[in-house]
Full PDB file with SEQRES, HELIX, SHEET, SSBOND, CRYST1, ORIGX, SCALE, CONECT and MASTER records, all heavy atoms in Angstrom:
SEQRES   1 A   31  THR THR ARG GLN LYS HIS THR ARG GLU CYS PHE VAL VAL          
SEQRES   2 A   31  ALA GLU GLU GLY ALA ASP ARG ASP ARG ILE ALA GLN GLU          
SEQRES   3 A   31  ILE LYS ARG MET PRO                                          
HELIX    1 AA1 THR A    2  LYS A    5  1                                   4    
HELIX    2 AA2 ARG A   20  LYS A   28  1                                   9    
CRYST1    1.000    1.000    1.000  90.00  90.00  90.00 P 1           1          
ORIGX1      1.000000  0.000000  0.000000        0.00000                         
ORIGX2      0.000000  1.000000  0.000000        0.00000                         
ORIGX3      0.000000  0.000000  1.000000        0.00000                         
SCALE1      1.000000  0.000000  0.000000        0.00000                         
SCALE2      0.000000  1.000000  0.000000        0.00000                         
SCALE3      0.000000  0.000000  1.000000        0.00000                         
ATOM      1  N   THR A   1      92.855 -96.129 -23.179  1.00  0.00           N  
ATOM      2  CA  THR A   1      91.860 -96.168 -22.121  1.00  0.00           C  
ATOM      3  C   THR A   1      90.891 -95.001 -22.316  1.00  0.00           C  
ATOM      4  O   THR A   1      91.145 -94.078 -23.099  1.00  0.00           O  
ATOM      5  CB  THR A   1      92.515 -96.037 -20.743  1.00  0.00           C  
ATOM      6  OG1 THR A   1      93.123 -94.742 -20.638  1.00  0.00           O  
ATOM      7  CG2 THR A   1      93.569 -97.115 -20.527  1.00  0.00           C  
ATOM      8  N   THR A   2      89.785 -95.033 -21.594  1.00  0.00           N  
ATOM      9  CA  THR A   2      88.828 -93.932 -21.621  1.00  0.00           C  
ATOM     10  C   THR A   2      89.522 -92.608 -21.320  1.00  0.00           C  
ATOM     11  O   THR A   2      89.308 -91.600 -22.002  1.00  0.00           O  
ATOM     12  CB  THR A   2      87.717 -94.190 -20.583  1.00  0.00           C  
ATOM     13  OG1 THR A   2      87.006 -95.372 -20.977  1.00  0.00           O  
ATOM     14  CG2 THR A   2      86.743 -93.025 -20.501  1.00  0.00           C  
ATOM     15  N   ARG A   3      90.383 -92.589 -20.307  1.00  0.00           N  
ATOM     16  CA  ARG A   3      91.056 -91.367 -19.888  1.00  0.00           C  
ATOM     17  C   ARG A   3      92.019 -90.854 -20.961  1.00  0.00           C  
ATOM     18  O   ARG A   3      92.233 -89.648 -21.082  1.00  0.00           O  
ATOM     19  CB  ARG A   3      91.817 -91.622 -18.577  1.00  0.00           C  
ATOM     20  CG  ARG A   3      92.356 -90.368 -17.901  1.00  0.00           C  
ATOM     21  CD  ARG A   3      92.982 -90.708 -16.559  1.00  0.00           C  
ATOM     22  NE  ARG A   3      92.039 -91.291 -15.622  1.00  0.00           N  
ATOM     23  CZ  ARG A   3      91.238 -90.582 -14.830  1.00  0.00           C  
ATOM     24  NH1 ARG A   3      91.275 -89.265 -14.860  1.00  0.00           N  
ATOM     25  NH2 ARG A   3      90.400 -91.190 -14.008  1.00  0.00           N  
ATOM     26  N   GLN A   4      92.583 -91.776 -21.740  1.00  0.00           N  
ATOM     27  CA  GLN A   4      93.563 -91.384 -22.762  1.00  0.00           C  
ATOM     28  C   GLN A   4      92.905 -90.838 -24.033  1.00  0.00           C  
ATOM     29  O   GLN A   4      93.572 -90.214 -24.847  1.00  0.00           O  
ATOM     30  CB  GLN A   4      94.445 -92.584 -23.113  1.00  0.00           C  
ATOM     31  CG  GLN A   4      95.401 -92.977 -22.003  1.00  0.00           C  
ATOM     32  CD  GLN A   4      96.097 -94.296 -22.293  1.00  0.00           C  
ATOM     33  OE1 GLN A   4      95.497 -95.241 -22.848  1.00  0.00           O  
ATOM     34  NE2 GLN A   4      97.352 -94.397 -21.922  1.00  0.00           N  
ATOM     35  N   LYS A   5      91.604 -91.057 -24.221  1.00  0.00           N  
ATOM     36  CA  LYS A   5      90.941 -90.628 -25.452  1.00  0.00           C  
ATOM     37  C   LYS A   5      90.281 -89.253 -25.348  1.00  0.00           C  
ATOM     38  O   LYS A   5      90.251 -88.509 -26.325  1.00  0.00           O  
ATOM     39  CB  LYS A   5      89.872 -91.665 -25.857  1.00  0.00           C  
ATOM     40  CG  LYS A   5      90.459 -92.950 -26.409  1.00  0.00           C  
ATOM     41  CD  LYS A   5      89.408 -93.840 -27.029  1.00  0.00           C  
ATOM     42  CE  LYS A   5      88.549 -94.500 -25.972  1.00  0.00           C  
ATOM     43  NZ  LYS A   5      87.646 -95.519 -26.553  1.00  0.00           N  
ATOM     44  N   HIS A   6      89.727 -88.929 -24.174  1.00  0.00           N  
ATOM     45  CA  HIS A   6      88.983 -87.678 -24.028  1.00  0.00           C  
ATOM     46  C   HIS A   6      89.264 -87.012 -22.691  1.00  0.00           C  
ATOM     47  O   HIS A   6      89.538 -87.692 -21.698  1.00  0.00           O  
ATOM     48  CB  HIS A   6      87.462 -87.924 -24.123  1.00  0.00           C  
ATOM     49  CG  HIS A   6      87.000 -88.463 -25.423  1.00  0.00           C  
ATOM     50  ND1 HIS A   6      86.884 -89.803 -25.680  1.00  0.00           N  
ATOM     51  CD2 HIS A   6      86.620 -87.824 -26.563  1.00  0.00           C  
ATOM     52  CE1 HIS A   6      86.465 -89.984 -26.923  1.00  0.00           C  
ATOM     53  NE2 HIS A   6      86.287 -88.798 -27.481  1.00  0.00           N  
ATOM     54  N   THR A   7      89.175 -85.684 -22.676  1.00  0.00           N  
ATOM     55  CA  THR A   7      89.151 -84.938 -21.421  1.00  0.00           C  
ATOM     56  C   THR A   7      87.800 -84.232 -21.328  1.00  0.00           C  
ATOM     57  O   THR A   7      87.063 -84.137 -22.318  1.00  0.00           O  
ATOM     58  CB  THR A   7      90.279 -83.896 -21.350  1.00  0.00           C  
ATOM     59  OG1 THR A   7      90.116 -82.958 -22.424  1.00  0.00           O  
ATOM     60  CG2 THR A   7      91.643 -84.561 -21.462  1.00  0.00           C  
ATOM     61  N   ARG A   8      87.503 -83.722 -20.143  1.00  0.00           N  
ATOM     62  CA  ARG A   8      86.244 -82.994 -19.938  1.00  0.00           C  
ATOM     63  C   ARG A   8      86.565 -81.641 -19.317  1.00  0.00           C  
ATOM     64  O   ARG A   8      87.318 -81.544 -18.358  1.00  0.00           O  
ATOM     65  CB  ARG A   8      85.285 -83.802 -19.064  1.00  0.00           C  
ATOM     66  CG  ARG A   8      84.895 -85.118 -19.724  1.00  0.00           C  
ATOM     67  CD  ARG A   8      83.655 -85.730 -19.111  1.00  0.00           C  
ATOM     68  NE  ARG A   8      83.268 -86.969 -19.777  1.00  0.00           N  
ATOM     69  CZ  ARG A   8      82.556 -87.053 -20.888  1.00  0.00           C  
ATOM     70  NH1 ARG A   8      82.135 -85.951 -21.480  1.00  0.00           N  
ATOM     71  NH2 ARG A   8      82.244 -88.217 -21.412  1.00  0.00           N  
ATOM     72  N   GLU A   9      85.979 -80.595 -19.909  1.00  0.00           N  
ATOM     73  CA  GLU A   9      86.202 -79.233 -19.442  1.00  0.00           C  
ATOM     74  C   GLU A   9      84.859 -78.633 -19.034  1.00  0.00           C  
ATOM     75  O   GLU A   9      83.912 -78.636 -19.824  1.00  0.00           O  
ATOM     76  CB  GLU A   9      86.860 -78.399 -20.544  1.00  0.00           C  
ATOM     77  CG  GLU A   9      87.341 -77.045 -20.057  1.00  0.00           C  
ATOM     78  CD  GLU A   9      88.204 -76.327 -21.093  1.00  0.00           C  
ATOM     79  OE1 GLU A   9      88.255 -76.785 -22.258  1.00  0.00           O  
ATOM     80  OE2 GLU A   9      88.817 -75.313 -20.738  1.00  0.00           O  
ATOM     81  N   CYS A  10      84.792 -78.133 -17.799  1.00  0.00           N  
ATOM     82  CA  CYS A  10      83.531 -77.668 -17.232  1.00  0.00           C  
ATOM     83  C   CYS A  10      83.595 -76.177 -16.921  1.00  0.00           C  
ATOM     84  O   CYS A  10      84.578 -75.707 -16.326  1.00  0.00           O  
ATOM     85  CB  CYS A  10      83.214 -78.427 -15.941  1.00  0.00           C  
ATOM     86  SG  CYS A  10      83.368 -80.219 -16.080  1.00  0.00           S  
ATOM     87  N   PHE A  11      82.562 -75.460 -17.299  1.00  0.00           N  
ATOM     88  CA  PHE A  11      82.421 -74.036 -16.985  1.00  0.00           C  
ATOM     89  C   PHE A  11      81.189 -73.912 -16.084  1.00  0.00           C  
ATOM     90  O   PHE A  11      80.072 -74.238 -16.506  1.00  0.00           O  
ATOM     91  CB  PHE A  11      82.276 -73.212 -18.260  1.00  0.00           C  
ATOM     92  CG  PHE A  11      83.517 -73.235 -19.104  1.00  0.00           C  
ATOM     93  CD1 PHE A  11      83.739 -74.259 -20.024  1.00  0.00           C  
ATOM     94  CD2 PHE A  11      84.478 -72.239 -18.972  1.00  0.00           C  
ATOM     95  CE1 PHE A  11      84.898 -74.293 -20.789  1.00  0.00           C  
ATOM     96  CE2 PHE A  11      85.639 -72.264 -19.737  1.00  0.00           C  
ATOM     97  CZ  PHE A  11      85.848 -73.294 -20.639  1.00  0.00           C  
ATOM     98  N   VAL A  12      81.420 -73.463 -14.846  1.00  0.00           N  
ATOM     99  CA  VAL A  12      80.390 -73.550 -13.810  1.00  0.00           C  
ATOM    100  C   VAL A  12      80.106 -72.175 -13.209  1.00  0.00           C  
ATOM    101  O   VAL A  12      81.035 -71.430 -12.873  1.00  0.00           O  
ATOM    102  CB  VAL A  12      80.842 -74.517 -12.688  1.00  0.00           C  
ATOM    103  CG1 VAL A  12      79.775 -74.611 -11.600  1.00  0.00           C  
ATOM    104  CG2 VAL A  12      81.155 -75.894 -13.266  1.00  0.00           C  
ATOM    105  N   VAL A  13      78.814 -71.859 -13.081  1.00  0.00           N  
ATOM    106  CA  VAL A  13      78.371 -70.680 -12.340  1.00  0.00           C  
ATOM    107  C   VAL A  13      77.909 -71.168 -10.973  1.00  0.00           C  
ATOM    108  O   VAL A  13      76.968 -71.968 -10.880  1.00  0.00           O  
ATOM    109  CB  VAL A  13      77.221 -69.956 -13.057  1.00  0.00           C  
ATOM    110  CG1 VAL A  13      76.781 -68.733 -12.249  1.00  0.00           C  
ATOM    111  CG2 VAL A  13      77.635 -69.550 -14.470  1.00  0.00           C  
ATOM    112  N   ALA A  14      78.588 -70.704  -9.911  1.00  0.00           N  
ATOM    113  CA  ALA A  14      78.253 -71.136  -8.553  1.00  0.00           C  
ATOM    114  C   ALA A  14      77.423 -70.073  -7.845  1.00  0.00           C  
ATOM    115  O   ALA A  14      77.522 -68.873  -8.147  1.00  0.00           O  
ATOM    116  CB  ALA A  14      79.525 -71.425  -7.767  1.00  0.00           C  
ATOM    117  N   GLU A  15      76.611 -70.532  -6.899  1.00  0.00           N  
ATOM    118  CA  GLU A  15      75.877 -69.582  -6.058  1.00  0.00           C  
ATOM    119  C   GLU A  15      76.871 -68.747  -5.249  1.00  0.00           C  
ATOM    120  O   GLU A  15      77.969 -69.218  -4.919  1.00  0.00           O  
ATOM    121  CB  GLU A  15      74.964 -70.340  -5.083  1.00  0.00           C  
ATOM    122  CG  GLU A  15      73.785 -71.018  -5.729  1.00  0.00           C  
ATOM    123  CD  GLU A  15      72.968 -71.801  -4.712  1.00  0.00           C  
ATOM    124  OE1 GLU A  15      73.320 -71.763  -3.504  1.00  0.00           O  
ATOM    125  OE2 GLU A  15      71.992 -72.457  -5.129  1.00  0.00           O  
ATOM    126  N   GLU A  16      76.482 -67.525  -4.945  1.00  0.00           N  
ATOM    127  CA  GLU A  16      77.348 -66.665  -4.128  1.00  0.00           C  
ATOM    128  C   GLU A  16      77.565 -67.323  -2.770  1.00  0.00           C  
ATOM    129  O   GLU A  16      76.619 -67.756  -2.105  1.00  0.00           O  
ATOM    130  CB  GLU A  16      76.686 -65.287  -3.945  1.00  0.00           C  
ATOM    131  CG  GLU A  16      77.632 -64.264  -3.348  1.00  0.00           C  
ATOM    132  CD  GLU A  16      77.036 -62.857  -3.362  1.00  0.00           C  
ATOM    133  OE1 GLU A  16      76.040 -62.646  -4.086  1.00  0.00           O  
ATOM    134  OE2 GLU A  16      77.558 -62.005  -2.648  1.00  0.00           O  
ATOM    135  N   GLY A  17      78.834 -67.444  -2.398  1.00  0.00           N  
ATOM    136  CA  GLY A  17      79.166 -68.046  -1.112  1.00  0.00           C  
ATOM    137  C   GLY A  17      79.259 -69.551  -1.124  1.00  0.00           C  
ATOM    138  O   GLY A  17      79.577 -70.164  -0.094  1.00  0.00           O  
ATOM    139  N   ALA A  18      78.983 -70.205  -2.254  1.00  0.00           N  
ATOM    140  CA  ALA A  18      79.065 -71.669  -2.323  1.00  0.00           C  
ATOM    141  C   ALA A  18      80.514 -72.131  -2.216  1.00  0.00           C  
ATOM    142  O   ALA A  18      81.442 -71.418  -2.584  1.00  0.00           O  
ATOM    143  CB  ALA A  18      78.453 -72.159  -3.638  1.00  0.00           C  
ATOM    144  N   ASP A  19      80.695 -73.340  -1.707  1.00  0.00           N  
ATOM    145  CA  ASP A  19      82.036 -73.924  -1.542  1.00  0.00           C  
ATOM    146  C   ASP A  19      82.505 -74.467  -2.901  1.00  0.00           C  
ATOM    147  O   ASP A  19      82.118 -75.562  -3.318  1.00  0.00           O  
ATOM    148  CB  ASP A  19      81.973 -75.049  -0.507  1.00  0.00           C  
ATOM    149  CG  ASP A  19      83.352 -75.639  -0.198  1.00  0.00           C  
ATOM    150  OD1 ASP A  19      84.279 -75.438  -1.005  1.00  0.00           O  
ATOM    151  OD2 ASP A  19      83.479 -76.299   0.844  1.00  0.00           O  
ATOM    152  N   ARG A  20      83.337 -73.690  -3.556  1.00  0.00           N  
ATOM    153  CA  ARG A  20      83.758 -74.063  -4.911  1.00  0.00           C  
ATOM    154  C   ARG A  20      84.625 -75.322  -4.912  1.00  0.00           C  
ATOM    155  O   ARG A  20      84.550 -76.127  -5.849  1.00  0.00           O  
ATOM    156  CB  ARG A  20      84.497 -72.896  -5.564  1.00  0.00           C  
ATOM    157  CG  ARG A  20      83.594 -71.686  -5.815  1.00  0.00           C  
ATOM    158  CD  ARG A  20      84.314 -70.591  -6.579  1.00  0.00           C  
ATOM    159  NE  ARG A  20      83.406 -69.519  -6.971  1.00  0.00           N  
ATOM    160  CZ  ARG A  20      83.730 -68.550  -7.813  1.00  0.00           C  
ATOM    161  NH1 ARG A  20      84.956 -68.499  -8.345  1.00  0.00           N  
ATOM    162  NH2 ARG A  20      82.838 -67.617  -8.131  1.00  0.00           N  
ATOM    163  N   ASP A  21      85.452 -75.474  -3.901  1.00  0.00           N  
ATOM    164  CA  ASP A  21      86.297 -76.684  -3.832  1.00  0.00           C  
ATOM    165  C   ASP A  21      85.419 -77.935  -3.749  1.00  0.00           C  
ATOM    166  O   ASP A  21      85.690 -78.942  -4.401  1.00  0.00           O  
ATOM    167  CB  ASP A  21      87.233 -76.616  -2.629  1.00  0.00           C  
ATOM    168  CG  ASP A  21      88.350 -75.598  -2.830  1.00  0.00           C  
ATOM    169  OD1 ASP A  21      88.628 -75.261  -3.999  1.00  0.00           O  
ATOM    170  OD2 ASP A  21      88.930 -75.139  -1.825  1.00  0.00           O  
ATOM    171  N   ARG A  22      84.366 -77.873  -2.921  1.00  0.00           N  
ATOM    172  CA  ARG A  22      83.456 -79.022  -2.812  1.00  0.00           C  
ATOM    173  C   ARG A  22      82.783 -79.313  -4.141  1.00  0.00           C  
ATOM    174  O   ARG A  22      82.697 -80.470  -4.577  1.00  0.00           O  
ATOM    175  CB  ARG A  22      82.393 -78.753  -1.736  1.00  0.00           C  
ATOM    176  CG  ARG A  22      81.302 -79.850  -1.701  1.00  0.00           C  
ATOM    177  CD  ARG A  22      80.118 -79.466  -0.835  1.00  0.00           C  
ATOM    178  NE  ARG A  22      79.456 -78.244  -1.251  1.00  0.00           N  
ATOM    179  CZ  ARG A  22      78.590 -78.156  -2.264  1.00  0.00           C  
ATOM    180  NH1 ARG A  22      78.311 -79.222  -3.011  1.00  0.00           N  
ATOM    181  NH2 ARG A  22      78.012 -76.999  -2.555  1.00  0.00           N  
ATOM    182  N   ILE A  23      82.302 -78.265  -4.812  1.00  0.00           N  
ATOM    183  CA  ILE A  23      81.637 -78.451  -6.101  1.00  0.00           C  
ATOM    184  C   ILE A  23      82.584 -79.094  -7.106  1.00  0.00           C  
ATOM    185  O   ILE A  23      82.226 -80.059  -7.806  1.00  0.00           O  
ATOM    186  CB  ILE A  23      81.107 -77.098  -6.633  1.00  0.00           C  
ATOM    187  CG1 ILE A  23      79.948 -76.589  -5.755  1.00  0.00           C  
ATOM    188  CG2 ILE A  23      80.649 -77.231  -8.088  1.00  0.00           C  
ATOM    189  CD1 ILE A  23      79.524 -75.168  -6.067  1.00  0.00           C  
ATOM    190  N   ALA A  24      83.810 -78.578  -7.175  1.00  0.00           N  
ATOM    191  CA  ALA A  24      84.789 -79.121  -8.126  1.00  0.00           C  
ATOM    192  C   ALA A  24      85.070 -80.598  -7.849  1.00  0.00           C  
ATOM    193  O   ALA A  24      85.151 -81.417  -8.780  1.00  0.00           O  
ATOM    194  CB  ALA A  24      86.077 -78.317  -8.068  1.00  0.00           C  
ATOM    195  N   GLN A  25      85.201 -80.952  -6.566  1.00  0.00           N  
ATOM    196  CA  GLN A  25      85.476 -82.347  -6.225  1.00  0.00           C  
ATOM    197  C   GLN A  25      84.273 -83.243  -6.515  1.00  0.00           C  
ATOM    198  O   GLN A  25      84.431 -84.380  -6.980  1.00  0.00           O  
ATOM    199  CB  GLN A  25      85.877 -82.455  -4.746  1.00  0.00           C  
ATOM    200  CG  GLN A  25      87.256 -81.882  -4.432  1.00  0.00           C  
ATOM    201  CD  GLN A  25      88.338 -82.460  -5.333  1.00  0.00           C  
ATOM    202  OE1 GLN A  25      88.445 -83.683  -5.492  1.00  0.00           O  
ATOM    203  NE2 GLN A  25      89.135 -81.579  -5.940  1.00  0.00           N  
ATOM    204  N   GLU A  26      83.075 -82.737  -6.273  1.00  0.00           N  
ATOM    205  CA  GLU A  26      81.870 -83.529  -6.597  1.00  0.00           C  
ATOM    206  C   GLU A  26      81.792 -83.808  -8.092  1.00  0.00           C  
ATOM    207  O   GLU A  26      81.401 -84.897  -8.517  1.00  0.00           O  
ATOM    208  CB  GLU A  26      80.605 -82.795  -6.127  1.00  0.00           C  
ATOM    209  CG  GLU A  26      80.302 -82.967  -4.651  1.00  0.00           C  
ATOM    210  CD  GLU A  26      78.864 -82.593  -4.310  1.00  0.00           C  
ATOM    211  OE1 GLU A  26      77.941 -82.989  -5.054  1.00  0.00           O  
ATOM    212  OE2 GLU A  26      78.672 -81.888  -3.304  1.00  0.00           O  
ATOM    213  N   ILE A  27      82.157 -82.805  -8.897  1.00  0.00           N  
ATOM    214  CA  ILE A  27      82.158 -83.007 -10.348  1.00  0.00           C  
ATOM    215  C   ILE A  27      83.183 -84.070 -10.723  1.00  0.00           C  
ATOM    216  O   ILE A  27      82.863 -85.056 -11.407  1.00  0.00           O  
ATOM    217  CB  ILE A  27      82.464 -81.680 -11.084  1.00  0.00           C  
ATOM    218  CG1 ILE A  27      81.322 -80.678 -10.883  1.00  0.00           C  
ATOM    219  CG2 ILE A  27      82.693 -81.944 -12.580  1.00  0.00           C  
ATOM    220  CD1 ILE A  27      81.642 -79.277 -11.375  1.00  0.00           C  
ATOM    221  N   LYS A  28      84.408 -83.909 -10.263  1.00  0.00           N  
ATOM    222  CA  LYS A  28      85.503 -84.787 -10.688  1.00  0.00           C  
ATOM    223  C   LYS A  28      85.317 -86.234 -10.225  1.00  0.00           C  
ATOM    224  O   LYS A  28      85.814 -87.159 -10.866  1.00  0.00           O  
ATOM    225  CB  LYS A  28      86.826 -84.238 -10.174  1.00  0.00           C  
ATOM    226  CG  LYS A  28      87.228 -82.925 -10.840  1.00  0.00           C  
ATOM    227  CD  LYS A  28      88.531 -82.377 -10.273  1.00  0.00           C  
ATOM    228  CE  LYS A  28      88.915 -81.074 -10.947  1.00  0.00           C  
ATOM    229  NZ  LYS A  28      90.198 -80.530 -10.436  1.00  0.00           N  
ATOM    230  N   ARG A  29      84.576 -86.419  -9.136  1.00  0.00           N  
ATOM    231  CA  ARG A  29      84.388 -87.767  -8.593  1.00  0.00           C  
ATOM    232  C   ARG A  29      83.091 -88.421  -9.043  1.00  0.00           C  
ATOM    233  O   ARG A  29      82.792 -89.553  -8.661  1.00  0.00           O  
ATOM    234  CB  ARG A  29      84.416 -87.710  -7.059  1.00  0.00           C  
ATOM    235  CG  ARG A  29      85.771 -87.338  -6.495  1.00  0.00           C  
ATOM    236  CD  ARG A  29      85.687 -87.079  -5.002  1.00  0.00           C  
ATOM    237  NE  ARG A  29      86.985 -86.681  -4.449  1.00  0.00           N  
ATOM    238  CZ  ARG A  29      87.153 -86.144  -3.248  1.00  0.00           C  
ATOM    239  NH1 ARG A  29      86.098 -85.936  -2.465  1.00  0.00           N  
ATOM    240  NH2 ARG A  29      88.357 -85.814  -2.825  1.00  0.00           N  
ATOM    241  N   MET A  30      82.307 -87.730  -9.847  1.00  0.00           N  
ATOM    242  CA  MET A  30      80.990 -88.241 -10.229  1.00  0.00           C  
ATOM    243  C   MET A  30      81.125 -89.498 -11.094  1.00  0.00           C  
ATOM    244  O   MET A  30      81.678 -89.454 -12.191  1.00  0.00           O  
ATOM    245  CB  MET A  30      80.221 -87.160 -11.000  1.00  0.00           C  
ATOM    246  CG  MET A  30      78.734 -87.459 -11.152  1.00  0.00           C  
ATOM    247  SD  MET A  30      77.880 -86.188 -12.140  1.00  0.00           S  
ATOM    248  CE  MET A  30      78.096 -84.736 -11.109  1.00  0.00           C  
ATOM    249  N   PRO A  31      80.618 -90.651 -10.605  1.00  0.00           N  
ATOM    250  CA  PRO A  31      80.738 -91.886 -11.395  1.00  0.00           C  
ATOM    251  C   PRO A  31      79.911 -91.820 -12.675  1.00  0.00           C  
ATOM    252  O   PRO A  31      78.891 -91.132 -12.731  1.00  0.00           O  
ATOM    253  CB  PRO A  31      80.202 -92.963 -10.438  1.00  0.00           C  
ATOM    254  CG  PRO A  31      79.350 -92.226  -9.462  1.00  0.00           C  
ATOM    255  CD  PRO A  31      79.917 -90.851  -9.331  1.00  0.00           C  
TER     256      PRO A  31                                                      
MASTER        0    0    0    2    0    0    0    6  255    1    0    3          
END                                                                             
């Protein structure tokens, strides 16, 4: 499957005070 062939690793610079959990979830759920 697509998931079995590749993984994705993200290195992110967030704004000071930004909600990192929200950002991470938005990335992981992006269609």
